[in-house]
C-alpha cells in the first residue's frame, strides 16, 4: 500500500530529521520565553516613567503600558509551566519585575496626587518583608507564597490599570483615592499574616545558619 504523506507526517519526519542541536536550541528558546515575558516589565516600567514625564498624561498610552504589563504577568507563569521551565530564578524574576513596575507606576501616581504616598510605601514594605521571609527566615530558593500576598499582586495591577485609564478627576480614580484607607488596611493585613507565621527559633536559625 502506498504511503500517503499528510501535513502531520511531514512535520514528524522533519522533526525526526532535524539535528539534535537545532531541537536543543528550540527547547532553550521555549524555556526562556517565560523569563523574557517577566523581564519585559522592567522595560515597561521605563516606558511608563518616560511617558509620565513627557508632558500631559495620555490615558490611552499609560493604559496600554499597564495592560501590557498585566498580560505579561498573567502569561509568564503559564508559559513556564507549559514549557516545563519553571525555576527559582524565574519566580524571583517574576516577583522583582512586578514590584519594579508597580512601584514605578504608583510612585508616579503618588507624585501626581492621584493616590496617597503611603500606598506605594506599604507595597514596598510588604515586598521587602516577603523577600526577607523567603530568603532569611524560610531559607527558600523560591518566593514563599501567601493567600493575601497573591491577592495583593492582583490588587496592585488593578490599581495601576484603574489609575492609568481613569485617574482623578475621573470617577474611578476619585473612588480609588477615597478607598485608600481600606487598601492600606489590606496591605497591613498581608504583612501581619506573614508575621504571624514566624517562629522565634526558626527566625533565629535563618540568621545564624
C-alpha atoms as a PDB file:
ATOM      1  CA  UNK A   1       0.000   0.000   0.000  1.00  0.00           C
ATOM      2  CA  UNK A   2       1.367   3.402  -0.945  1.00  0.00           C
ATOM      3  CA  UNK A   3       2.225   5.667   1.916  1.00  0.00           C
ATOM      4  CA  UNK A   4       0.345   8.991   1.826  1.00  0.00           C
ATOM      5  CA  UNK A   5       2.123  11.992   3.253  1.00  0.00           C
ATOM      6  CA  UNK A   6      -0.022  14.163   5.445  1.00  0.00           C
ATOM      7  CA  UNK A   7       0.949  17.534   6.939  1.00  0.00           C
ATOM      8  CA  UNK A   8       1.322  15.896  10.341  1.00  0.00           C
ATOM      9  CA  UNK A   9       3.554  13.148   8.999  1.00  0.00           C
ATOM     10  CA  UNK A  10       5.675  15.717   7.178  1.00  0.00           C
ATOM     11  CA  UNK A  11       6.147  17.617  10.420  1.00  0.00           C
ATOM     12  CA  UNK A  12       7.003  14.411  12.296  1.00  0.00           C
ATOM     13  CA  UNK A  13       9.524  13.366   9.670  1.00  0.00           C
ATOM     14  CA  UNK A  14      11.043  16.851   9.578  1.00  0.00           C
ATOM     15  CA  UNK A  15      11.279  16.869  13.354  1.00  0.00           C
ATOM     16  CA  UNK A  16      12.908  13.444  13.370  1.00  0.00           C
ATOM     17  CA  UNK A  17      15.386  14.563  10.734  1.00  0.00           C
ATOM     18  CA  UNK A  18      16.218  17.865  12.447  1.00  0.00           C
ATOM     19  CA  UNK A  19      19.658  17.958  14.025  1.00  0.00           C
ATOM     20  CA  UNK A  20      19.649  17.443  17.777  1.00  0.00           C
ATOM     21  CA  UNK A  21      21.415  20.799  18.185  1.00  0.00           C
ATOM     22  CA  UNK A  22      18.542  22.600  16.471  1.00  0.00           C
ATOM     23  CA  UNK A  23      15.970  20.850  18.643  1.00  0.00           C
ATOM     24  CA  UNK A  24      18.027  21.754  21.688  1.00  0.00           C
ATOM     25  CA  UNK A  25      18.089  25.386  20.595  1.00  0.00           C
ATOM     26  CA  UNK A  26      14.315  25.412  20.192  1.00  0.00           C
ATOM     27  CA  UNK A  27      13.905  23.936  23.670  1.00  0.00           C
ATOM     28  CA  UNK A  28      16.221  26.566  25.139  1.00  0.00           C
ATOM     29  CA  UNK A  29      14.306  29.386  23.436  1.00  0.00           C
ATOM     30  CA  UNK A  30      10.986  27.990  24.661  1.00  0.00           C
ATOM     31  CA  UNK A  31      12.373  27.652  28.179  1.00  0.00           C
ATOM     32  CA  UNK A  32      13.443  31.334  28.241  1.00  0.00           C
ATOM     33  CA  UNK A  33      10.180  32.702  26.856  1.00  0.00           C
ATOM     34  CA  UNK A  34       8.640  32.993  30.323  1.00  0.00           C
ATOM     35  CA  UNK A  35      11.701  34.832  31.660  1.00  0.00           C
ATOM     36  CA  UNK A  36      11.623  37.210  28.694  1.00  0.00           C
ATOM     37  CA  UNK A  37       7.962  37.945  29.391  1.00  0.00           C
ATOM     38  CA  UNK A  38       8.802  38.700  33.028  1.00  0.00           C
ATOM     39  CA  UNK A  39      11.807  40.851  32.086  1.00  0.00           C
ATOM     40  CA  UNK A  40       9.616  42.883  29.709  1.00  0.00           C
ATOM     41  CA  UNK A  41       8.064  44.546  32.762  1.00  0.00           C
ATOM     42  CA  UNK A  42      11.408  46.195  33.589  1.00  0.00           C
ATOM     43  CA  UNK A  43      11.332  47.787  30.135  1.00  0.00           C
ATOM     44  CA  UNK A  44       7.661  48.702  30.530  1.00  0.00           C
ATOM     45  CA  UNK A  45       8.479  50.438  33.827  1.00  0.00           C
ATOM     46  CA  UNK A  46      10.976  52.617  31.974  1.00  0.00           C
ATOM     47  CA  UNK A  47       8.479  53.325  29.209  1.00  0.00           C
ATOM     48  CA  UNK A  48       5.837  54.279  31.803  1.00  0.00           C
ATOM     49  CA  UNK A  49       8.230  56.696  33.505  1.00  0.00           C
ATOM     50  CA  UNK A  50       9.200  58.279  30.189  1.00  0.00           C
ATOM     51  CA  UNK A  51       5.556  58.638  29.132  1.00  0.00           C
ATOM     52  CA  UNK A  52       4.581  60.076  32.511  1.00  0.00           C
ATOM     53  CA  UNK A  53       7.340  62.677  32.481  1.00  0.00           C
ATOM     54  CA  UNK A  54       6.976  63.639  28.836  1.00  0.00           C
ATOM     55  CA  UNK A  55       4.090  66.036  29.393  1.00  0.00           C
ATOM     56  CA  UNK A  56       0.299  65.903  29.844  1.00  0.00           C
ATOM     57  CA  UNK A  57      -0.731  62.378  30.672  1.00  0.00           C
ATOM     58  CA  UNK A  58      -2.382  60.335  27.950  1.00  0.00           C
ATOM     59  CA  UNK A  59      -4.591  57.595  29.424  1.00  0.00           C
ATOM     60  CA  UNK A  60      -4.529  55.665  26.155  1.00  0.00           C
ATOM     61  CA  UNK A  61      -0.725  55.394  26.298  1.00  0.00           C
ATOM     62  CA  UNK A  62      -0.396  54.710  30.026  1.00  0.00           C
ATOM     63  CA  UNK A  63      -3.341  52.322  29.864  1.00  0.00           C
ATOM     64  CA  UNK A  64      -1.733  50.365  27.047  1.00  0.00           C
ATOM     65  CA  UNK A  65       1.521  50.094  29.010  1.00  0.00           C
ATOM     66  CA  UNK A  66      -0.304  48.947  32.147  1.00  0.00           C
ATOM     67  CA  UNK A  67      -2.342  46.425  30.162  1.00  0.00           C
ATOM     68  CA  UNK A  68       0.782  45.003  28.515  1.00  0.00           C
ATOM     69  CA  UNK A  69       2.421  44.603  31.932  1.00  0.00           C
ATOM     70  CA  UNK A  70      -0.660  42.906  33.397  1.00  0.00           C
ATOM     71  CA  UNK A  71      -0.900  40.499  30.454  1.00  0.00           C
ATOM     72  CA  UNK A  72       2.798  39.601  30.716  1.00  0.00           C
ATOM     73  CA  UNK A  73       2.338  38.901  34.436  1.00  0.00           C
ATOM     74  CA  UNK A  74      -0.688  36.702  33.730  1.00  0.00           C
ATOM     75  CA  UNK A  75       1.011  34.757  30.931  1.00  0.00           C
ATOM     76  CA  UNK A  76       4.612  34.243  32.097  1.00  0.00           C
ATOM     77  CA  UNK A  77       3.844  31.670  34.780  1.00  0.00           C
ATOM     78  CA  UNK A  78       1.613  29.703  32.460  1.00  0.00           C
ATOM     79  CA  UNK A  79       4.281  29.693  29.763  1.00  0.00           C
ATOM     80  CA  UNK A  80       6.860  28.471  32.306  1.00  0.00           C
ATOM     81  CA  UNK A  81       4.614  25.565  33.283  1.00  0.00           C
ATOM     82  CA  UNK A  82       3.769  24.770  29.656  1.00  0.00           C
ATOM     83  CA  UNK A  83       7.442  24.672  28.659  1.00  0.00           C
ATOM     84  CA  UNK A  84       8.396  22.938  31.928  1.00  0.00           C
ATOM     85  CA  UNK A  85      10.933  25.661  32.593  1.00  0.00           C
ATOM     86  CA  UNK A  86       9.727  26.922  35.987  1.00  0.00           C
ATOM     87  CA  UNK A  87      12.669  27.640  38.290  1.00  0.00           C
ATOM     88  CA  UNK A  88      13.598  29.570  41.400  1.00  0.00           C
ATOM     89  CA  UNK A  89      15.320  32.199  39.254  1.00  0.00           C
ATOM     90  CA  UNK A  90      12.207  32.598  37.107  1.00  0.00           C
ATOM     91  CA  UNK A  91       9.958  33.036  40.130  1.00  0.00           C
ATOM     92  CA  UNK A  92      12.217  35.686  41.627  1.00  0.00           C
ATOM     93  CA  UNK A  93      12.498  37.442  38.269  1.00  0.00           C
ATOM     94  CA  UNK A  94       8.700  37.471  38.047  1.00  0.00           C
ATOM     95  CA  UNK A  95       8.365  38.957  41.539  1.00  0.00           C
ATOM     96  CA  UNK A  96      11.086  41.581  41.039  1.00  0.00           C
ATOM     97  CA  UNK A  97       9.663  42.626  37.672  1.00  0.00           C
ATOM     98  CA  UNK A  98       6.238  43.002  39.272  1.00  0.00           C
ATOM     99  CA  UNK A  99       7.423  45.204  42.118  1.00  0.00           C
ATOM    100  CA  UNK A 100       9.627  47.387  39.901  1.00  0.00           C
ATOM    101  CA  UNK A 101       6.760  48.066  37.509  1.00  0.00           C
ATOM    102  CA  UNK A 102       4.157  48.563  40.270  1.00  0.00           C
ATOM    103  CA  UNK A 103       6.320  50.919  42.336  1.00  0.00           C
ATOM    104  CA  UNK A 104       7.372  52.903  39.258  1.00  0.00           C
ATOM    105  CA  UNK A 105       3.754  53.377  38.184  1.00  0.00           C
ATOM    106  CA  UNK A 106       2.331  54.089  41.638  1.00  0.00           C
ATOM    107  CA  UNK A 107       5.290  56.281  42.586  1.00  0.00           C
ATOM    108  CA  UNK A 108       4.458  58.466  39.592  1.00  0.00           C
ATOM    109  CA  UNK A 109       0.783  58.474  40.520  1.00  0.00           C
ATOM    110  CA  UNK A 110       1.568  59.407  44.123  1.00  0.00           C
ATOM    111  CA  UNK A 111       3.774  62.277  42.910  1.00  0.00           C
ATOM    112  CA  UNK A 112       0.858  63.470  40.774  1.00  0.00           C
ATOM    113  CA  UNK A 113      -1.532  63.282  43.740  1.00  0.00           C
ATOM    114  CA  UNK A 114      -3.655  60.512  42.230  1.00  0.00           C
ATOM    115  CA  UNK A 115      -3.080  58.229  45.214  1.00  0.00           C
ATOM    116  CA  UNK A 116      -1.632  58.752  48.708  1.00  0.00           C
ATOM    117  CA  UNK A 117       2.102  58.124  49.008  1.00  0.00           C
ATOM    118  CA  UNK A 118       1.573  55.614  51.811  1.00  0.00           C
ATOM    119  CA  UNK A 119       0.085  53.099  49.329  1.00  0.00           C
ATOM    120  CA  UNK A 120       3.283  52.509  47.316  1.00  0.00           C
ATOM    121  CA  UNK A 121       5.242  52.739  50.584  1.00  0.00           C
ATOM    122  CA  UNK A 122       3.196  49.896  52.093  1.00  0.00           C
ATOM    123  CA  UNK A 123       3.569  47.848  48.912  1.00  0.00           C
ATOM    124  CA  UNK A 124       7.360  48.310  49.091  1.00  0.00           C
ATOM    125  CA  UNK A 125       7.358  47.332  52.785  1.00  0.00           C
ATOM    126  CA  UNK A 126       5.264  44.262  52.056  1.00  0.00           C
ATOM    127  CA  UNK A 127       7.633  43.153  49.292  1.00  0.00           C
ATOM    128  CA  UNK A 128      10.698  43.705  51.486  1.00  0.00           C
ATOM    129  CA  UNK A 129       9.142  41.518  54.180  1.00  0.00           C
ATOM    130  CA  UNK A 130       8.237  38.943  51.531  1.00  0.00           C
ATOM    131  CA  UNK A 131      11.836  38.788  50.292  1.00  0.00           C
ATOM    132  CA  UNK A 132      13.317  38.597  53.797  1.00  0.00           C
ATOM    133  CA  UNK A 133      10.805  35.942  54.803  1.00  0.00           C
ATOM    134  CA  UNK A 134      11.631  33.852  51.742  1.00  0.00           C
ATOM    135  CA  UNK A 135      15.427  34.117  51.860  1.00  0.00           C
ATOM    136  CA  UNK A 136      16.353  34.647  55.512  1.00  0.00           C
ATOM    137  CA  UNK A 137      13.528  33.224  57.605  1.00  0.00           C
ATOM    138  CA  UNK A 138      12.431  30.315  55.431  1.00  0.00           C
ATOM    139  CA  UNK A 139      15.774  29.704  53.744  1.00  0.00           C
ATOM    140  CA  UNK A 140      13.952  29.035  50.493  1.00  0.00           C
ATOM    141  CA  UNK A 141      15.333  29.373  46.974  1.00  0.00           C
ATOM    142  CA  UNK A 142      11.863  30.333  45.729  1.00  0.00           C
ATOM    143  CA  UNK A 143       9.428  33.018  46.939  1.00  0.00           C
ATOM    144  CA  UNK A 144       7.201  31.974  49.831  1.00  0.00           C
ATOM    145  CA  UNK A 145       3.541  32.089  48.886  1.00  0.00           C
ATOM    146  CA  UNK A 146       0.683  33.536  50.946  1.00  0.00           C
ATOM    147  CA  UNK A 147      -3.008  33.941  50.223  1.00  0.00           C
ATOM    148  CA  UNK A 148      -3.123  37.667  50.893  1.00  0.00           C
ATOM    149  CA  UNK A 149       0.161  38.116  49.059  1.00  0.00           C
ATOM    150  CA  UNK A 150      -1.336  36.538  45.940  1.00  0.00           C
ATOM    151  CA  UNK A 151      -4.379  38.795  46.056  1.00  0.00           C
ATOM    152  CA  UNK A 152      -2.110  41.728  46.787  1.00  0.00           C
ATOM    153  CA  UNK A 153      -0.450  41.199  43.411  1.00  0.00           C
ATOM    154  CA  UNK A 154      -3.842  41.169  41.701  1.00  0.00           C
ATOM    155  CA  UNK A 155      -4.922  44.333  43.519  1.00  0.00           C
ATOM    156  CA  UNK A 156      -1.646  46.091  42.676  1.00  0.00           C
ATOM    157  CA  UNK A 157      -2.201  45.661  38.950  1.00  0.00           C
ATOM    158  CA  UNK A 158      -5.883  46.575  39.300  1.00  0.00           C
ATOM    159  CA  UNK A 159      -4.878  49.872  40.955  1.00  0.00           C
ATOM    160  CA  UNK A 160      -2.352  50.651  38.222  1.00  0.00           C
ATOM    161  CA  UNK A 161      -4.851  49.843  35.469  1.00  0.00           C
ATOM    162  CA  UNK A 162      -7.559  51.994  37.040  1.00  0.00           C
ATOM    163  CA  UNK A 163      -5.263  54.975  37.504  1.00  0.00           C
ATOM    164  CA  UNK A 164      -3.792  54.548  34.023  1.00  0.00           C
ATOM    165  CA  UNK A 165      -7.141  54.580  32.247  1.00  0.00           C
ATOM    166  CA  UNK A 166      -9.246  56.761  34.581  1.00  0.00           C
ATOM    167  CA  UNK A 167      -7.172  58.883  37.005  1.00  0.00           C
ATOM    168  CA  UNK A 168      -8.699  61.677  39.109  1.00  0.00           C
ATOM    169  CA  UNK A 169     -10.733  63.744  38.469  1.00  0.00           C
ATOM    170  CA  UNK A 170     -12.486  60.862  36.706  1.00  0.00           C
ATOM    171  CA  UNK A 171     -14.868  58.944  38.936  1.00  0.00           C
ATOM    172  CA  UNK A 172     -12.914  55.632  39.146  1.00  0.00           C
ATOM    173  CA  UNK A 173      -9.760  57.485  40.168  1.00  0.00           C
ATOM    174  CA  UNK A 174     -11.624  59.526  42.786  1.00  0.00           C
ATOM    175  CA  UNK A 175     -13.241  56.374  44.197  1.00  0.00           C
ATOM    176  CA  UNK A 176      -9.884  54.654  44.383  1.00  0.00           C
ATOM    177  CA  UNK A 177      -8.322  57.578  46.220  1.00  0.00           C
ATOM    178  CA  UNK A 178     -11.228  57.602  48.678  1.00  0.00           C
ATOM    179  CA  UNK A 179     -10.765  53.873  49.252  1.00  0.00           C
ATOM    180  CA  UNK A 180      -7.062  54.270  50.087  1.00  0.00           C
ATOM    181  CA  UNK A 181      -7.607  53.650  53.862  1.00  0.00           C
ATOM    182  CA  UNK A 182      -9.129  50.268  53.027  1.00  0.00           C
ATOM    183  CA  UNK A 183      -6.223  49.493  50.706  1.00  0.00           C
ATOM    184  CA  UNK A 184      -3.776  50.403  53.467  1.00  0.00           C
ATOM    185  CA  UNK A 185      -5.636  48.077  55.841  1.00  0.00           C
ATOM    186  CA  UNK A 186      -5.363  45.261  53.311  1.00  0.00           C
ATOM    187  CA  UNK A 187      -1.597  45.670  52.899  1.00  0.00           C
ATOM    188  CA  UNK A 188      -1.134  45.841  56.674  1.00  0.00           C
ATOM    189  CA  UNK A 189      -3.174  42.635  56.975  1.00  0.00           C
ATOM    190  CA  UNK A 190      -0.935  40.909  54.426  1.00  0.00           C
ATOM    191  CA  UNK A 191       2.140  41.991  56.394  1.00  0.00           C
ATOM    192  CA  UNK A 192       0.520  40.779  59.623  1.00  0.00           C
ATOM    193  CA  UNK A 193      -0.471  37.425  58.125  1.00  0.00           C
ATOM    194  CA  UNK A 194       3.120  36.725  57.158  1.00  0.00           C
ATOM    195  CA  UNK A 195       4.444  37.925  60.527  1.00  0.00           C
ATOM    196  CA  UNK A 196       2.066  35.612  62.415  1.00  0.00           C
ATOM    197  CA  UNK A 197       3.702  32.655  60.682  1.00  0.00           C
ATOM    198  CA  UNK A 198       7.088  33.400  62.232  1.00  0.00           C
ATOM    199  CA  UNK A 199       8.554  31.155  64.898  1.00  0.00           C
ATOM    200  CA  UNK A 200      11.330  32.609  67.098  1.00  0.00           C
ATOM    201  CA  UNK A 201      13.588  29.568  66.763  1.00  0.00           C
ATOM    202  CA  UNK A 202      13.030  29.423  63.022  1.00  0.00           C
ATOM    203  CA  UNK A 203      13.734  33.135  62.657  1.00  0.00           C
ATOM    204  CA  UNK A 204      16.984  32.936  64.654  1.00  0.00           C
ATOM    205  CA  UNK A 205      18.096  29.876  62.726  1.00  0.00           C
ATOM    206  CA  UNK A 206      17.569  31.759  59.471  1.00  0.00           C
ATOM    207  CA  UNK A 207      20.091  34.390  60.558  1.00  0.00           C
ATOM    208  CA  UNK A 208      22.783  32.186  62.101  1.00  0.00           C
ATOM    209  CA  UNK A 209      22.827  29.187  59.797  1.00  0.00           C
END
